[in-house]
Amino acid sequence: MKKTGLSLLVIMFFACSEVKESAITPEATKPPPMDIEKELAAITELRTQFTTALKEGRYEDMGKWVTPDAKTKRPGGSGWDEMFALGQERGRFPYDSIIMSPTETIIMNDSMAYDWGTSRVYYTNKNDEVVELQNSFLVILKRVDGGWRLHREVGSSTVE
């Protein structure tokens, strides 16, 4: 009985003793601060690579700059309908070229950002004439494997 009582006393002593504060502080678990200028430059480079690939007709390369589960909603209207009908074999981006003019690029955190702005899209119609279309866009970018990728896009044929 003495041994049981002594054992219980030792267990109670350790159970009631104060827990020491961990050596890991909240500051130690914070990720390093982001270099916003570097991230904005990376997004600009993504935009440049994307538009260059379109202009050069490298449609097979477009997957490099979009997430595997990317979703897009294109602008509507007769010009847009014609372009998408003529360029079906090109996939999601049937343009001959695009000039994007972002008015706002915001990095929300280390894995998500967005681009808001307008663009001018060019395609060749049935009569071999170059047609220009304008739109407003909102693009959500997601970091994948260390690089920014287009994740969601909504386009509107109303330019604001």
N, C-alpha and C. Protein backbone atom coordinates (compact mmCIF):
# COMPACT_ATOMS: atom_id res chain seq x y z
N MET A 1 0.82 -1.18 0.00
CA MET A 1 0.00 0.00 0.00
C MET A 1 0.87 1.26 0.00
N LYS A 2 2.01 1.18 0.74
CA LYS A 2 2.90 2.33 0.79
C LYS A 2 3.44 2.64 -0.60
N LYS A 3 3.77 1.59 -1.34
CA LYS A 3 4.33 1.79 -2.69
C LYS A 3 3.27 2.38 -3.62
N THR A 4 2.02 1.95 -3.48
CA THR A 4 0.95 2.47 -4.32
C THR A 4 0.71 3.94 -3.99
N GLY A 5 0.68 4.28 -2.71
CA GLY A 5 0.46 5.65 -2.28
C GLY A 5 1.58 6.56 -2.75
N LEU A 6 2.82 6.07 -2.65
CA LEU A 6 3.97 6.84 -3.09
C LEU A 6 3.92 7.05 -4.61
N SER A 7 3.55 6.00 -5.33
CA SER A 7 3.44 6.10 -6.80
C SER A 7 2.37 7.12 -7.18
N LEU A 8 1.21 7.09 -6.54
CA LEU A 8 0.15 8.05 -6.82
C LEU A 8 0.60 9.47 -6.50
N LEU A 9 1.34 9.63 -5.42
CA LEU A 9 1.83 10.95 -5.03
C LEU A 9 2.79 11.51 -6.10
N VAL A 10 3.67 10.66 -6.62
CA VAL A 10 4.61 11.09 -7.65
C VAL A 10 3.85 11.45 -8.93
N ILE A 11 2.87 10.63 -9.32
CA ILE A 11 2.07 10.90 -10.52
C ILE A 11 1.32 12.21 -10.37
N MET A 12 0.70 12.44 -9.20
CA MET A 12 -0.04 13.68 -8.98
C MET A 12 0.89 14.89 -9.02
N PHE A 13 2.10 14.73 -8.51
CA PHE A 13 3.05 15.83 -8.51
C PHE A 13 3.36 16.27 -9.95
N PHE A 14 3.66 15.30 -10.82
CA PHE A 14 3.99 15.62 -12.22
C PHE A 14 2.76 16.09 -12.99
N ALA A 15 1.62 15.55 -12.67
CA ALA A 15 0.39 15.94 -13.37
C ALA A 15 -0.01 17.36 -13.02
N CYS A 16 0.28 17.81 -11.82
CA CYS A 16 -0.12 19.15 -11.40
C CYS A 16 0.94 20.21 -11.64
N SER A 17 2.14 19.79 -12.03
CA SER A 17 3.18 20.79 -12.25
C SER A 17 2.86 21.61 -13.50
N GLU A 18 3.35 22.84 -13.53
CA GLU A 18 3.08 23.73 -14.66
C GLU A 18 3.76 23.22 -15.92
N VAL A 19 3.06 23.40 -17.04
CA VAL A 19 3.65 23.05 -18.33
C VAL A 19 4.49 24.22 -18.78
N LYS A 20 5.73 23.95 -19.12
CA LYS A 20 6.62 25.02 -19.57
C LYS A 20 6.20 25.46 -20.95
N GLU A 21 6.36 26.75 -21.22
CA GLU A 21 6.02 27.30 -22.52
C GLU A 21 6.95 26.71 -23.57
N SER A 22 6.39 26.42 -24.72
CA SER A 22 7.15 25.83 -25.81
C SER A 22 8.19 26.81 -26.31
N ALA A 23 9.27 26.26 -26.81
CA ALA A 23 10.33 27.10 -27.38
C ALA A 23 9.90 27.68 -28.72
N ILE A 24 8.84 27.14 -29.32
CA ILE A 24 8.36 27.65 -30.60
C ILE A 24 7.37 28.77 -30.32
N THR A 25 7.71 29.95 -30.75
CA THR A 25 6.84 31.10 -30.57
C THR A 25 6.05 31.34 -31.84
N PRO A 26 4.94 32.07 -31.74
CA PRO A 26 4.18 32.37 -32.96
C PRO A 26 5.03 33.04 -34.04
N GLU A 27 5.99 33.88 -33.63
CA GLU A 27 6.85 34.55 -34.60
C GLU A 27 7.71 33.54 -35.36
N ALA A 28 8.13 32.46 -34.68
CA ALA A 28 8.98 31.46 -35.32
C ALA A 28 8.22 30.64 -36.37
N THR A 29 6.89 30.59 -36.27
CA THR A 29 6.11 29.80 -37.21
C THR A 29 5.61 30.61 -38.40
N LYS A 30 5.82 31.91 -38.37
CA LYS A 30 5.36 32.76 -39.47
C LYS A 30 6.25 32.53 -40.69
N PRO A 31 5.62 32.48 -41.88
CA PRO A 31 6.45 32.37 -43.09
C PRO A 31 7.22 33.67 -43.30
N PRO A 32 8.33 33.59 -44.01
CA PRO A 32 9.08 34.83 -44.25
C PRO A 32 8.23 35.81 -45.06
N PRO A 33 8.47 37.09 -44.89
CA PRO A 33 7.67 38.08 -45.62
C PRO A 33 7.87 37.92 -47.13
N MET A 34 6.79 38.17 -47.88
CA MET A 34 6.87 38.05 -49.33
C MET A 34 7.51 39.30 -49.93
N ASP A 35 8.24 39.09 -50.99
CA ASP A 35 8.80 40.18 -51.76
C ASP A 35 7.76 40.52 -52.83
N ILE A 36 6.90 41.49 -52.53
CA ILE A 36 5.77 41.83 -53.40
C ILE A 36 6.25 42.22 -54.80
N GLU A 37 7.30 43.01 -54.89
CA GLU A 37 7.81 43.42 -56.21
C GLU A 37 8.25 42.21 -57.03
N LYS A 38 8.88 41.26 -56.39
CA LYS A 38 9.32 40.04 -57.08
C LYS A 38 8.10 39.24 -57.57
N GLU A 39 7.08 39.14 -56.74
CA GLU A 39 5.87 38.40 -57.11
C GLU A 39 5.12 39.10 -58.25
N LEU A 40 5.04 40.43 -58.20
CA LEU A 40 4.40 41.18 -59.29
C LEU A 40 5.18 40.99 -60.60
N ALA A 41 6.50 40.96 -60.51
CA ALA A 41 7.32 40.73 -61.70
C ALA A 41 7.08 39.33 -62.25
N ALA A 42 6.89 38.34 -61.38
CA ALA A 42 6.62 36.98 -61.82
C ALA A 42 5.26 36.90 -62.52
N ILE A 43 4.28 37.64 -62.03
CA ILE A 43 2.95 37.66 -62.66
C ILE A 43 3.03 38.35 -64.02
N THR A 44 3.80 39.43 -64.10
CA THR A 44 3.99 40.12 -65.38
C THR A 44 4.67 39.17 -66.38
N GLU A 45 5.63 38.41 -65.93
CA GLU A 45 6.32 37.45 -66.80
C GLU A 45 5.36 36.36 -67.27
N LEU A 46 4.50 35.88 -66.39
CA LEU A 46 3.48 34.90 -66.77
C LEU A 46 2.61 35.47 -67.89
N ARG A 47 2.16 36.70 -67.72
CA ARG A 47 1.32 37.36 -68.72
C ARG A 47 2.06 37.48 -70.05
N THR A 48 3.34 37.84 -70.01
CA THR A 48 4.15 37.98 -71.22
C THR A 48 4.32 36.63 -71.92
N GLN A 49 4.62 35.59 -71.17
CA GLN A 49 4.78 34.26 -71.77
C GLN A 49 3.48 33.78 -72.40
N PHE A 50 2.39 34.01 -71.72
CA PHE A 50 1.07 33.60 -72.20
C PHE A 50 0.73 34.31 -73.51
N THR A 51 0.87 35.64 -73.54
CA THR A 51 0.51 36.39 -74.74
C THR A 51 1.46 36.09 -75.90
N THR A 52 2.73 35.84 -75.59
CA THR A 52 3.70 35.50 -76.64
C THR A 52 3.35 34.15 -77.26
N ALA A 53 3.01 33.18 -76.44
CA ALA A 53 2.64 31.85 -76.95
C ALA A 53 1.42 31.94 -77.87
N LEU A 54 0.43 32.73 -77.49
CA LEU A 54 -0.74 32.92 -78.35
C LEU A 54 -0.35 33.54 -79.69
N LYS A 55 0.44 34.59 -79.63
CA LYS A 55 0.83 35.30 -80.84
C LYS A 55 1.63 34.38 -81.78
N GLU A 56 2.42 33.50 -81.19
CA GLU A 56 3.24 32.58 -81.99
C GLU A 56 2.49 31.31 -82.38
N GLY A 57 1.22 31.21 -81.95
CA GLY A 57 0.42 30.05 -82.31
C GLY A 57 0.81 28.77 -81.58
N ARG A 58 1.44 28.90 -80.43
CA ARG A 58 1.86 27.72 -79.65
C ARG A 58 0.75 27.32 -78.67
N TYR A 59 -0.39 26.95 -79.23
CA TYR A 59 -1.57 26.61 -78.41
C TYR A 59 -1.33 25.40 -77.53
N GLU A 60 -0.48 24.50 -77.99
CA GLU A 60 -0.18 23.29 -77.20
C GLU A 60 0.58 23.63 -75.92
N ASP A 61 1.20 24.81 -75.86
CA ASP A 61 1.95 25.22 -74.67
C ASP A 61 1.09 25.90 -73.61
N MET A 62 -0.16 26.19 -73.91
CA MET A 62 -0.98 26.98 -73.00
C MET A 62 -1.14 26.32 -71.63
N GLY A 63 -1.06 25.00 -71.58
CA GLY A 63 -1.18 24.30 -70.31
C GLY A 63 -0.10 24.66 -69.30
N LYS A 64 1.01 25.21 -69.77
CA LYS A 64 2.10 25.61 -68.87
C LYS A 64 1.70 26.75 -67.94
N TRP A 65 0.72 27.53 -68.39
CA TRP A 65 0.40 28.75 -67.65
C TRP A 65 -0.99 28.72 -67.01
N VAL A 66 -1.63 27.57 -67.01
CA VAL A 66 -2.94 27.43 -66.35
C VAL A 66 -2.89 26.24 -65.40
N THR A 67 -3.70 26.30 -64.35
CA THR A 67 -3.77 25.17 -63.43
C THR A 67 -4.51 24.02 -64.12
N PRO A 68 -4.29 22.79 -63.68
CA PRO A 68 -4.98 21.65 -64.30
C PRO A 68 -6.50 21.75 -64.22
N ASP A 69 -7.01 22.43 -63.19
CA ASP A 69 -8.46 22.56 -63.01
C ASP A 69 -8.96 23.97 -63.31
N ALA A 70 -8.26 24.67 -64.21
CA ALA A 70 -8.65 26.05 -64.55
C ALA A 70 -10.06 26.10 -65.11
N LYS A 71 -10.75 27.18 -64.80
CA LYS A 71 -12.10 27.40 -65.33
C LYS A 71 -12.15 28.82 -65.88
N THR A 72 -12.78 28.96 -67.05
CA THR A 72 -12.90 30.29 -67.66
C THR A 72 -14.33 30.51 -68.12
N LYS A 73 -14.76 31.76 -68.03
CA LYS A 73 -16.05 32.19 -68.57
C LYS A 73 -15.74 33.30 -69.55
N ARG A 74 -16.02 33.03 -70.80
CA ARG A 74 -15.65 33.98 -71.86
C ARG A 74 -16.71 35.07 -72.02
N PRO A 75 -16.31 36.17 -72.65
CA PRO A 75 -17.29 37.20 -72.98
C PRO A 75 -18.28 36.67 -74.01
N GLY A 76 -19.44 37.27 -74.06
CA GLY A 76 -20.45 36.89 -75.05
C GLY A 76 -20.59 37.95 -76.11
N GLY A 77 -21.41 37.65 -77.09
CA GLY A 77 -21.65 38.60 -78.18
C GLY A 77 -21.27 37.97 -79.50
N SER A 78 -21.77 38.57 -80.60
CA SER A 78 -21.59 37.95 -81.92
C SER A 78 -20.13 37.80 -82.32
N GLY A 79 -19.29 38.80 -82.09
CA GLY A 79 -17.87 38.70 -82.45
C GLY A 79 -17.17 37.60 -81.68
N TRP A 80 -17.47 37.53 -80.39
CA TRP A 80 -16.87 36.49 -79.56
C TRP A 80 -17.37 35.11 -79.98
N ASP A 81 -18.65 35.00 -80.27
CA ASP A 81 -19.21 33.72 -80.71
C ASP A 81 -18.54 33.26 -82.00
N GLU A 82 -18.36 34.19 -82.95
CA GLU A 82 -17.71 33.84 -84.21
C GLU A 82 -16.28 33.38 -83.98
N MET A 83 -15.52 34.11 -83.16
CA MET A 83 -14.14 33.75 -82.90
C MET A 83 -14.03 32.36 -82.28
N PHE A 84 -14.87 32.08 -81.29
CA PHE A 84 -14.80 30.78 -80.64
C PHE A 84 -15.24 29.66 -81.58
N ALA A 85 -16.19 29.92 -82.46
CA ALA A 85 -16.62 28.91 -83.44
C ALA A 85 -15.50 28.62 -84.44
N LEU A 86 -14.82 29.68 -84.91
CA LEU A 86 -13.74 29.50 -85.88
C LEU A 86 -12.50 28.85 -85.25
N GLY A 87 -12.29 29.09 -83.97
CA GLY A 87 -11.06 28.61 -83.33
C GLY A 87 -11.25 27.43 -82.39
N GLN A 88 -12.28 26.63 -82.61
CA GLN A 88 -12.56 25.51 -81.70
C GLN A 88 -11.35 24.59 -81.50
N GLU A 89 -10.62 24.34 -82.57
CA GLU A 89 -9.50 23.41 -82.47
C GLU A 89 -8.38 23.96 -81.60
N ARG A 90 -8.39 25.26 -81.34
CA ARG A 90 -7.36 25.87 -80.50
C ARG A 90 -7.65 25.72 -79.01
N GLY A 91 -8.86 25.34 -78.69
CA GLY A 91 -9.21 25.14 -77.29
C GLY A 91 -9.74 26.39 -76.63
N ARG A 92 -9.40 26.54 -75.38
CA ARG A 92 -9.93 27.59 -74.52
C ARG A 92 -9.55 29.01 -74.95
N PHE A 93 -8.43 29.15 -75.68
CA PHE A 93 -7.92 30.46 -76.07
C PHE A 93 -7.75 30.53 -77.59
N PRO A 94 -8.83 30.78 -78.35
CA PRO A 94 -8.76 30.72 -79.81
C PRO A 94 -8.33 32.01 -80.50
N TYR A 95 -7.60 32.86 -79.81
CA TYR A 95 -7.22 34.14 -80.36
C TYR A 95 -5.99 34.00 -81.26
N ASP A 96 -5.81 34.98 -82.16
CA ASP A 96 -4.54 35.10 -82.87
C ASP A 96 -3.53 35.79 -81.95
N SER A 97 -4.03 36.76 -81.19
CA SER A 97 -3.17 37.46 -80.22
C SER A 97 -4.05 38.20 -79.22
N ILE A 98 -3.42 38.61 -78.14
CA ILE A 98 -4.12 39.35 -77.09
C ILE A 98 -3.15 40.37 -76.49
N ILE A 99 -3.67 41.54 -76.19
CA ILE A 99 -2.92 42.56 -75.46
C ILE A 99 -3.68 42.80 -74.17
N MET A 100 -3.07 42.44 -73.06
CA MET A 100 -3.71 42.59 -71.76
C MET A 100 -3.22 43.88 -71.10
N SER A 101 -4.16 44.62 -70.53
CA SER A 101 -3.84 45.87 -69.84
C SER A 101 -4.43 45.82 -68.44
N PRO A 102 -3.70 45.22 -67.51
CA PRO A 102 -4.23 45.16 -66.14
C PRO A 102 -4.23 46.54 -65.50
N THR A 103 -5.30 46.82 -64.77
CA THR A 103 -5.36 48.07 -64.03
C THR A 103 -5.10 47.84 -62.55
N GLU A 104 -5.18 46.57 -62.14
CA GLU A 104 -4.96 46.25 -60.73
C GLU A 104 -4.48 44.80 -60.64
N THR A 105 -3.37 44.61 -59.98
CA THR A 105 -2.88 43.27 -59.67
C THR A 105 -2.65 43.24 -58.17
N ILE A 106 -3.34 42.35 -57.49
CA ILE A 106 -3.26 42.26 -56.03
C ILE A 106 -2.80 40.87 -55.65
N ILE A 107 -1.78 40.79 -54.83
CA ILE A 107 -1.33 39.52 -54.27
C ILE A 107 -2.02 39.39 -52.92
N MET A 108 -2.92 38.42 -52.83
CA MET A 108 -3.73 38.27 -51.62
C MET A 108 -2.98 37.54 -50.52
N ASN A 109 -2.19 36.55 -50.89
CA ASN A 109 -1.37 35.80 -49.92
C ASN A 109 -0.30 35.06 -50.71
N ASP A 110 0.38 34.12 -50.09
CA ASP A 110 1.49 33.45 -50.78
C ASP A 110 1.06 32.48 -51.86
N SER A 111 -0.25 32.24 -52.02
CA SER A 111 -0.68 31.28 -53.03
C SER A 111 -1.80 31.79 -53.94
N MET A 112 -2.35 32.98 -53.70
CA MET A 112 -3.45 33.50 -54.53
C MET A 112 -3.23 34.98 -54.84
N ALA A 113 -3.57 35.33 -56.08
CA ALA A 113 -3.50 36.73 -56.52
C ALA A 113 -4.59 36.95 -57.55
N TYR A 114 -4.85 38.21 -57.88
CA TYR A 114 -5.79 38.45 -58.98
C TYR A 114 -5.33 39.62 -59.83
N ASP A 115 -5.77 39.56 -61.07
CA ASP A 115 -5.51 40.58 -62.08
C ASP A 115 -6.87 41.10 -62.55
N TRP A 116 -7.03 42.40 -62.63
CA TRP A 116 -8.27 43.01 -63.11
C TRP A 116 -7.86 44.02 -64.18
N GLY A 117 -8.57 44.02 -65.30
CA GLY A 117 -8.23 44.99 -66.33
C GLY A 117 -9.02 44.80 -67.60
N THR A 118 -8.44 45.27 -68.70
CA THR A 118 -9.07 45.14 -70.01
C THR A 118 -8.08 44.48 -70.96
N SER A 119 -8.62 43.97 -72.05
CA SER A 119 -7.74 43.41 -73.08
C SER A 119 -8.32 43.64 -74.45
N ARG A 120 -7.43 43.57 -75.42
CA ARG A 120 -7.82 43.62 -76.83
C ARG A 120 -7.41 42.28 -77.42
N VAL A 121 -8.37 41.60 -78.01
CA VAL A 121 -8.16 40.27 -78.58
C VAL A 121 -8.28 40.39 -80.10
N TYR A 122 -7.41 39.71 -80.81
CA TYR A 122 -7.43 39.75 -82.27
C TYR A 122 -7.60 38.34 -82.82
N TYR A 123 -8.42 38.21 -83.85
CA TYR A 123 -8.57 36.95 -84.57
C TYR A 123 -8.84 37.24 -86.03
N THR A 124 -8.66 36.23 -86.86
CA THR A 124 -8.90 36.36 -88.30
C THR A 124 -10.24 35.71 -88.62
N ASN A 125 -11.14 36.49 -89.24
CA ASN A 125 -12.48 35.98 -89.52
C ASN A 125 -12.50 35.15 -90.82
N LYS A 126 -13.70 34.72 -91.22
CA LYS A 126 -13.88 33.88 -92.43
C LYS A 126 -13.39 34.56 -93.70
N ASN A 127 -13.43 35.89 -93.71
CA ASN A 127 -13.02 36.65 -94.89
C ASN A 127 -11.54 37.01 -94.85
N ASP A 128 -10.80 36.39 -93.95
CA ASP A 128 -9.37 36.63 -93.79
C ASP A 128 -9.05 38.07 -93.34
N GLU A 129 -9.98 38.66 -92.60
CA GLU A 129 -9.81 40.00 -92.05
C GLU A 129 -9.51 39.89 -90.55
N VAL A 130 -8.61 40.74 -90.08
CA VAL A 130 -8.29 40.75 -88.66
C VAL A 130 -9.39 41.54 -87.93
N VAL A 131 -9.93 40.93 -86.89
CA VAL A 131 -11.00 41.54 -86.09
C VAL A 131 -10.47 41.79 -84.69
N GLU A 132 -10.74 42.97 -84.15
CA GLU A 132 -10.36 43.30 -82.77
C GLU A 132 -11.60 43.26 -81.89
N LEU A 133 -11.49 42.57 -80.76
CA LEU A 133 -12.54 42.55 -79.74
C LEU A 133 -11.94 43.08 -78.45
N GLN A 134 -12.77 43.77 -77.68
CA GLN A 134 -12.30 44.28 -76.39
C GLN A 134 -13.12 43.65 -75.27
N ASN A 135 -12.48 43.51 -74.13
CA ASN A 135 -13.21 42.99 -72.98
C ASN A 135 -12.60 43.46 -71.67
N SER A 136 -13.37 43.29 -70.60
CA SER A 136 -12.88 43.44 -69.24
C SER A 136 -12.63 42.04 -68.71
N PHE A 137 -11.65 41.89 -67.84
CA PHE A 137 -11.37 40.56 -67.30
C PHE A 137 -11.05 40.62 -65.82
N LEU A 138 -11.31 39.52 -65.17
CA LEU A 138 -10.87 39.27 -63.81
C LEU A 138 -10.24 37.89 -63.83
N VAL A 139 -8.96 37.83 -63.51
CA VAL A 139 -8.22 36.57 -63.51
C VAL A 139 -7.77 36.29 -62.09
N ILE A 140 -8.05 35.10 -61.62
CA ILE A 140 -7.53 34.65 -60.32
C ILE A 140 -6.33 33.76 -60.62
N LEU A 141 -5.23 34.07 -59.98
CA LEU A 141 -3.99 33.34 -60.17
C LEU A 141 -3.71 32.50 -58.93
N LYS A 142 -3.15 31.33 -59.15
CA LYS A 142 -2.83 30.42 -58.05
C LYS A 142 -1.38 29.98 -58.20
N ARG A 143 -0.68 29.92 -57.10
CA ARG A 143 0.70 29.44 -57.14
C ARG A 143 0.68 27.91 -57.19
N VAL A 144 1.35 27.37 -58.19
CA VAL A 144 1.47 25.92 -58.36
C VAL A 144 2.93 25.61 -58.63
N ASP A 145 3.50 24.72 -57.86
CA ASP A 145 4.91 24.32 -58.02
C ASP A 145 5.84 25.53 -58.06
N GLY A 146 5.56 26.52 -57.22
CA GLY A 146 6.42 27.69 -57.11
C GLY A 146 6.18 28.79 -58.13
N GLY A 147 5.26 28.58 -59.08
CA GLY A 147 5.00 29.60 -60.09
C GLY A 147 3.54 29.97 -60.15
N TRP A 148 3.25 31.18 -60.62
CA TRP A 148 1.87 31.65 -60.76
C TRP A 148 1.25 31.04 -62.00
N ARG A 149 -0.04 30.64 -61.88
CA ARG A 149 -0.79 30.05 -62.99
C ARG A 149 -2.20 30.64 -63.00
N LEU A 150 -2.78 30.74 -64.21
CA LEU A 150 -4.16 31.18 -64.33
C LEU A 150 -5.05 30.07 -63.76
N HIS A 151 -5.91 30.43 -62.83
CA HIS A 151 -6.77 29.44 -62.17
C HIS A 151 -8.25 29.64 -62.53
N ARG A 152 -8.68 30.90 -62.56
CA ARG A 152 -10.05 31.24 -62.93
C ARG A 152 -10.00 32.53 -63.74
N GLU A 153 -10.88 32.62 -64.73
CA GLU A 153 -10.98 33.85 -65.51
C GLU A 153 -12.44 34.10 -65.86
N VAL A 154 -12.85 35.34 -65.69
CA VAL A 154 -14.16 35.77 -66.11
C VAL A 154 -13.95 36.97 -67.02
N GLY A 155 -14.51 36.89 -68.24
CA GLY A 155 -14.39 37.99 -69.19
C GLY A 155 -15.77 38.56 -69.49
N SER A 156 -15.80 39.84 -69.77
CA SER A 156 -17.04 40.52 -70.11
C SER A 156 -16.81 41.36 -71.37
N SER A 157 -17.76 41.29 -72.31
CA SER A 157 -17.60 42.10 -73.52
C SER A 157 -17.90 43.57 -73.23
N THR A 158 -18.35 43.87 -72.03
CA THR A 158 -18.52 45.25 -71.60
C THR A 158 -17.19 45.74 -71.05
N VAL A 159 -16.64 46.77 -71.66
CA VAL A 159 -15.34 47.28 -71.23
C VAL A 159 -15.57 48.43 -70.27
N GLU A 160 -14.98 48.30 -69.10
CA GLU A 160 -15.08 49.36 -68.06
C GLU A 160 -13.73 49.77 -67.60
